[in-house]
Amino acid sequence: MVHDLTGATWRKSTRSGSSECVEVADNLSGVVGVRDSKDATGPVLTFTPTAWRHFVANTKRG
């Protein structure tokens, strides 16, 4: 499924400092976008907000 990411506000983790990493756009309704910060015009992975919350929670637990 292709999602319209118009209006996405991309941000990096504050823990990434000045290094390149992934950016997340979680300000859109019904979709969270994830992209490589080095390739802002490249591909974007999309997740449902629920799937993204589960991913983040599991990552924090290790």
PDB file of N, CA and C in Angstrom:
ATOM      1  N   MET A   1       0.841  -1.172   0.000  1.00  0.00           N
ATOM      2  CA  MET A   1       0.000   0.000   0.000  1.00  0.00           C
ATOM      3  C   MET A   1       0.896   1.249   0.000  1.00  0.00           C
ATOM      4  N   VAL A   2       0.543   2.200  -0.797  1.00  0.00           N
ATOM      5  CA  VAL A   2       1.285   3.457  -0.874  1.00  0.00           C
ATOM      6  C   VAL A   2       0.558   4.497  -0.018  1.00  0.00           C
ATOM      7  N   HIS A   3       1.312   5.157   0.848  1.00  0.00           N
ATOM      8  CA  HIS A   3       0.734   6.178   1.730  1.00  0.00           C
ATOM      9  C   HIS A   3       1.175   7.565   1.279  1.00  0.00           C
ATOM     10  N   ASP A   4       0.294   8.511   1.433  1.00  0.00           N
ATOM     11  CA  ASP A   4       0.613   9.908   1.145  1.00  0.00           C
ATOM     12  C   ASP A   4       1.344  10.489   2.353  1.00  0.00           C
ATOM     13  N   LEU A   5       2.608  10.827   2.179  1.00  0.00           N
ATOM     14  CA  LEU A   5       3.417  11.360   3.268  1.00  0.00           C
ATOM     15  C   LEU A   5       3.559  12.874   3.184  1.00  0.00           C
ATOM     16  N   THR A   6       2.686  13.508   2.391  1.00  0.00           N
ATOM     17  CA  THR A   6       2.688  14.958   2.303  1.00  0.00           C
ATOM     18  C   THR A   6       2.434  15.547   3.687  1.00  0.00           C
ATOM     19  N   GLY A   7       3.251  16.480   4.083  1.00  0.00           N
ATOM     20  CA  GLY A   7       3.102  17.105   5.396  1.00  0.00           C
ATOM     21  C   GLY A   7       3.855  16.397   6.501  1.00  0.00           C
ATOM     22  N   ALA A   8       4.602  15.345   6.145  1.00  0.00           N
ATOM     23  CA  ALA A   8       5.366  14.625   7.162  1.00  0.00           C
ATOM     24  C   ALA A   8       6.430  15.535   7.771  1.00  0.00           C
ATOM     25  N   THR A   9       6.544  15.468   9.088  1.00  0.00           N
ATOM     26  CA  THR A   9       7.593  16.182   9.808  1.00  0.00           C
ATOM     27  C   THR A   9       8.603  15.137  10.268  1.00  0.00           C
ATOM     28  N   TRP A  10       9.789  15.181   9.673  1.00  0.00           N
ATOM     29  CA  TRP A  10      10.813  14.173   9.932  1.00  0.00           C
ATOM     30  C   TRP A  10      11.703  14.613  11.088  1.00  0.00           C
ATOM     31  N   ARG A  11      12.056  13.643  11.947  1.00  0.00           N
ATOM     32  CA  ARG A  11      12.949  13.939  13.073  1.00  0.00           C
ATOM     33  C   ARG A  11      13.871  12.752  13.321  1.00  0.00           C
ATOM     34  N   LYS A  12      15.037  13.071  13.876  1.00  0.00           N
ATOM     35  CA  LYS A  12      15.997  12.044  14.290  1.00  0.00           C
ATOM     36  C   LYS A  12      15.928  11.907  15.793  1.00  0.00           C
ATOM     37  N   SER A  13      16.352  10.778  16.287  1.00  0.00           N
ATOM     38  CA  SER A  13      16.431  10.577  17.726  1.00  0.00           C
ATOM     39  C   SER A  13      17.432  11.553  18.323  1.00  0.00           C
ATOM     40  N   THR A  14      17.131  12.070  19.487  1.00  0.00           N
ATOM     41  CA  THR A  14      18.077  12.956  20.170  1.00  0.00           C
ATOM     42  C   THR A  14      19.333  12.192  20.573  1.00  0.00           C
ATOM     43  N   ARG A  15      19.245  10.894  20.667  1.00  0.00           N
ATOM     44  CA  ARG A  15      20.413  10.064  21.020  1.00  0.00           C
ATOM     45  C   ARG A  15      21.382   9.884  19.850  1.00  0.00           C
ATOM     46  N   SER A  16      20.962  10.230  18.650  1.00  0.00           N
ATOM     47  CA  SER A  16      21.829  10.027  17.489  1.00  0.00           C
ATOM     48  C   SER A  16      22.894  11.113  17.369  1.00  0.00           C
ATOM     49  N   GLY A  17      22.725  12.226  18.078  1.00  0.00           N
ATOM     50  CA  GLY A  17      23.698  13.308  18.005  1.00  0.00           C
ATOM     51  C   GLY A  17      23.812  13.838  16.594  1.00  0.00           C
ATOM     52  N   SER A  18      25.042  14.015  16.128  1.00  0.00           N
ATOM     53  CA  SER A  18      25.258  14.533  14.781  1.00  0.00           C
ATOM     54  C   SER A  18      25.428  13.420  13.746  1.00  0.00           C
ATOM     55  N   SER A  19      25.349  12.163  14.176  1.00  0.00           N
ATOM     56  CA  SER A  19      25.546  11.053  13.242  1.00  0.00           C
ATOM     57  C   SER A  19      24.310  10.852  12.361  1.00  0.00           C
ATOM     58  N   GLU A  20      24.536  10.200  11.247  1.00  0.00           N
ATOM     59  CA  GLU A  20      23.453   9.871  10.327  1.00  0.00           C
ATOM     60  C   GLU A  20      22.743   8.629  10.857  1.00  0.00           C
ATOM     61  N   CYS A  21      21.469   8.591  10.712  1.00  0.00           N
ATOM     62  CA  CYS A  21      20.710   7.427  11.172  1.00  0.00           C
ATOM     63  C   CYS A  21      19.360   7.407  10.474  1.00  0.00           C
ATOM     64  N   VAL A  22      18.351   6.943  11.144  1.00  0.00           N
ATOM     65  CA  VAL A  22      17.012   6.950  10.567  1.00  0.00           C
ATOM     66  C   VAL A  22      16.240   8.158  11.068  1.00  0.00           C
ATOM     67  N   GLU A  23      15.264   8.564  10.265  1.00  0.00           N
ATOM     68  CA  GLU A  23      14.358   9.631  10.647  1.00  0.00           C
ATOM     69  C   GLU A  23      12.950   9.053  10.693  1.00  0.00           C
ATOM     70  N   VAL A  24      12.141   9.584  11.587  1.00  0.00           N
ATOM     71  CA  VAL A  24      10.777   9.113  11.774  1.00  0.00           C
ATOM     72  C   VAL A  24       9.809  10.278  11.587  1.00  0.00           C
ATOM     73  N   ALA A  25       8.729  10.010  10.911  1.00  0.00           N
ATOM     74  CA  ALA A  25       7.628  10.979  10.792  1.00  0.00           C
ATOM     75  C   ALA A  25       6.412  10.334  11.427  1.00  0.00           C
ATOM     76  N   ASP A  26       6.047  10.825  12.606  1.00  0.00           N
ATOM     77  CA  ASP A  26       4.913  10.233  13.314  1.00  0.00           C
ATOM     78  C   ASP A  26       3.787  11.242  13.544  1.00  0.00           C
ATOM     79  N   ASN A  27       3.763  12.271  12.719  1.00  0.00           N
ATOM     80  CA  ASN A  27       2.743  13.309  12.855  1.00  0.00           C
ATOM     81  C   ASN A  27       1.549  13.127  11.920  1.00  0.00           C
ATOM     82  N   LEU A  28       1.546  12.066  11.142  1.00  0.00           N
ATOM     83  CA  LEU A  28       0.459  11.849  10.182  1.00  0.00           C
ATOM     84  C   LEU A  28      -0.588  10.896  10.753  1.00  0.00           C
ATOM     85  N   SER A  29      -1.791  11.011  10.288  1.00  0.00           N
ATOM     86  CA  SER A  29      -2.871  10.158  10.755  1.00  0.00           C
ATOM     87  C   SER A  29      -2.786   8.772  10.115  1.00  0.00           C
ATOM     88  N   GLY A  30      -2.687   7.749  10.936  1.00  0.00           N
ATOM     89  CA  GLY A  30      -2.768   6.380  10.443  1.00  0.00           C
ATOM     90  C   GLY A  30      -1.501   5.775   9.894  1.00  0.00           C
ATOM     91  N   VAL A  31      -0.395   6.513   9.895  1.00  0.00           N
ATOM     92  CA  VAL A  31       0.844   5.965   9.340  1.00  0.00           C
ATOM     93  C   VAL A  31       2.062   6.614  10.011  1.00  0.00           C
ATOM     94  N   VAL A  32       3.106   5.804  10.196  1.00  0.00           N
ATOM     95  CA  VAL A  32       4.400   6.296  10.678  1.00  0.00           C
ATOM     96  C   VAL A  32       5.415   5.970   9.587  1.00  0.00           C
ATOM     97  N   GLY A  33       6.164   6.983   9.149  1.00  0.00           N
ATOM     98  CA  GLY A  33       7.177   6.786   8.120  1.00  0.00           C
ATOM     99  C   GLY A  33       8.564   6.720   8.726  1.00  0.00           C
ATOM    100  N   VAL A  34       9.422   5.880   8.146  1.00  0.00           N
ATOM    101  CA  VAL A  34      10.808   5.736   8.588  1.00  0.00           C
ATOM    102  C   VAL A  34      11.681   5.768   7.348  1.00  0.00           C
ATOM    103  N   ARG A  35      12.737   6.608   7.385  1.00  0.00           N
ATOM    104  CA  ARG A  35      13.633   6.709   6.227  1.00  0.00           C
ATOM    105  C   ARG A  35      15.073   6.870   6.690  1.00  0.00           C
ATOM    106  N   ASP A  36      15.990   6.658   5.769  1.00  0.00           N
ATOM    107  CA  ASP A  36      17.422   6.852   6.001  1.00  0.00           C
ATOM    108  C   ASP A  36      17.712   8.348   5.938  1.00  0.00           C
ATOM    109  N   SER A  37      18.314   8.899   6.970  1.00  0.00           N
ATOM    110  CA  SER A  37      18.568  10.342   6.995  1.00  0.00           C
ATOM    111  C   SER A  37      19.573  10.783   5.932  1.00  0.00           C
ATOM    112  N   LYS A  38      20.362   9.858   5.418  1.00  0.00           N
ATOM    113  CA  LYS A  38      21.335  10.204   4.372  1.00  0.00           C
ATOM    114  C   LYS A  38      20.689  10.269   2.989  1.00  0.00           C
ATOM    115  N   ASP A  39      19.465   9.764   2.871  1.00  0.00           N
ATOM    116  CA  ASP A  39      18.786   9.691   1.574  1.00  0.00           C
ATOM    117  C   ASP A  39      17.333  10.139   1.736  1.00  0.00           C
ATOM    118  N   ALA A  40      17.156  11.435   1.955  1.00  0.00           N
ATOM    119  CA  ALA A  40      15.834  11.973   2.249  1.00  0.00           C
ATOM    120  C   ALA A  40      14.828  11.782   1.118  1.00  0.00           C
ATOM    121  N   THR A  41      15.289  11.576  -0.089  1.00  0.00           N
ATOM    122  CA  THR A  41      14.372  11.355  -1.209  1.00  0.00           C
ATOM    123  C   THR A  41      14.244   9.880  -1.566  1.00  0.00           C
ATOM    124  N   GLY A  42      14.883   9.037  -0.780  1.00  0.00           N
ATOM    125  CA  GLY A  42      14.856   7.598  -1.044  1.00  0.00           C
ATOM    126  C   GLY A  42      13.602   6.934  -0.505  1.00  0.00           C
ATOM    127  N   PRO A  43      13.645   5.617  -0.448  1.00  0.00           N
ATOM    128  CA  PRO A  43      12.468   4.869  -0.020  1.00  0.00           C
ATOM    129  C   PRO A  43      12.108   5.129   1.440  1.00  0.00           C
ATOM    130  N   VAL A  44      10.834   4.934   1.750  1.00  0.00           N
ATOM    131  CA  VAL A  44      10.312   5.110   3.105  1.00  0.00           C
ATOM    132  C   VAL A  44       9.581   3.835   3.507  1.00  0.00           C
ATOM    133  N   LEU A  45       9.896   3.327   4.684  1.00  0.00           N
ATOM    134  CA  LEU A  45       9.124   2.228   5.247  1.00  0.00           C
ATOM    135  C   LEU A  45       7.952   2.837   5.998  1.00  0.00           C
ATOM    136  N   THR A  46       6.790   2.216   5.926  1.00  0.00           N
ATOM    137  CA  THR A  46       5.632   2.729   6.652  1.00  0.00           C
ATOM    138  C   THR A  46       5.082   1.651   7.573  1.00  0.00           C
ATOM    139  N   PHE A  47       4.594   2.102   8.712  1.00  0.00           N
ATOM    140  CA  PHE A  47       4.040   1.228   9.731  1.00  0.00           C
ATOM    141  C   PHE A  47       2.734   1.829  10.238  1.00  0.00           C
ATOM    142  N   THR A  48       1.867   0.989  10.761  1.00  0.00           N
ATOM    143  CA  THR A  48       0.716   1.522  11.471  1.00  0.00           C
ATOM    144  C   THR A  48       1.238   2.098  12.785  1.00  0.00           C
ATOM    145  N   PRO A  49       0.542   3.059  13.357  1.00  0.00           N
ATOM    146  CA  PRO A  49       0.989   3.589  14.644  1.00  0.00           C
ATOM    147  C   PRO A  49       1.109   2.501  15.721  1.00  0.00           C
ATOM    148  N   THR A  50       0.209   1.536  15.725  1.00  0.00           N
ATOM    149  CA  THR A  50       0.276   0.451  16.711  1.00  0.00           C
ATOM    150  C   THR A  50       1.528  -0.395  16.516  1.00  0.00           C
ATOM    151  N   ALA A  51       1.815  -0.764  15.279  1.00  0.00           N
ATOM    152  CA  ALA A  51       3.019  -1.554  14.999  1.00  0.00           C
ATOM    153  C   ALA A  51       4.267  -0.779  15.395  1.00  0.00           C
ATOM    154  N   TRP A  52       4.286   0.524  15.139  1.00  0.00           N
ATOM    155  CA  TRP A  52       5.451   1.343  15.491  1.00  0.00           C
ATOM    156  C   TRP A  52       5.629   1.395  17.015  1.00  0.00           C
ATOM    157  N   ARG A  53       4.538   1.585  17.751  1.00  0.00           N
ATOM    158  CA  ARG A  53       4.627   1.609  19.219  1.00  0.00           C
ATOM    159  C   ARG A  53       5.173   0.294  19.752  1.00  0.00           C
ATOM    160  N   HIS A  54       4.724  -0.824  19.180  1.00  0.00           N
ATOM    161  CA  HIS A  54       5.224  -2.135  19.603  1.00  0.00           C
ATOM    162  C   HIS A  54       6.718  -2.263  19.293  1.00  0.00           C
ATOM    163  N   PHE A  55       7.129  -1.839  18.114  1.00  0.00           N
ATOM    164  CA  PHE A  55       8.544  -1.895  17.731  1.00  0.00           C
ATOM    165  C   PHE A  55       9.402  -1.092  18.711  1.00  0.00           C
ATOM    166  N   VAL A  56       8.990   0.141  19.003  1.00  0.00           N
ATOM    167  CA  VAL A  56       9.756   0.995  19.915  1.00  0.00           C
ATOM    168  C   VAL A  56       9.801   0.379  21.307  1.00  0.00           C
ATOM    169  N   ALA A  57       8.673  -0.112  21.802  1.00  0.00           N
ATOM    170  CA  ALA A  57       8.638  -0.703  23.140  1.00  0.00           C
ATOM    171  C   ALA A  57       9.549  -1.925  23.218  1.00  0.00           C
ATOM    172  N   ASN A  58       9.507  -2.788  22.205  1.00  0.00           N
ATOM    173  CA  ASN A  58      10.364  -3.979  22.201  1.00  0.00           C
ATOM    174  C   ASN A  58      11.829  -3.624  22.075  1.00  0.00           C
ATOM    175  N   THR A  59      12.138  -2.588  21.319  1.00  0.00           N
ATOM    176  CA  THR A  59      13.527  -2.146  21.172  1.00  0.00           C
ATOM    177  C   THR A  59      14.060  -1.626  22.498  1.00  0.00           C
ATOM    178  N   LYS A  60      13.258  -0.875  23.219  1.00  0.00           N
ATOM    179  CA  LYS A  60      13.676  -0.350  24.526  1.00  0.00           C
ATOM    180  C   LYS A  60      13.935  -1.463  25.525  1.00  0.00           C
ATOM    181  N   ARG A  61      13.174  -2.545  25.425  1.00  0.00           N
ATOM    182  CA  ARG A  61      13.362  -3.675  26.336  1.00  0.00           C
ATOM    183  C   ARG A  61      14.599  -4.490  25.992  1.00  0.00           C
ATOM    184  N   GLY A  62      15.082  -4.313  24.755  1.00  0.00           N
ATOM    185  CA  GLY A  62      16.283  -5.047  24.326  1.00  0.00           C
ATOM    186  C   GLY A  62      15.915  -6.328  23.709  1.00  0.00           C
TER     187      GLY A  62
END
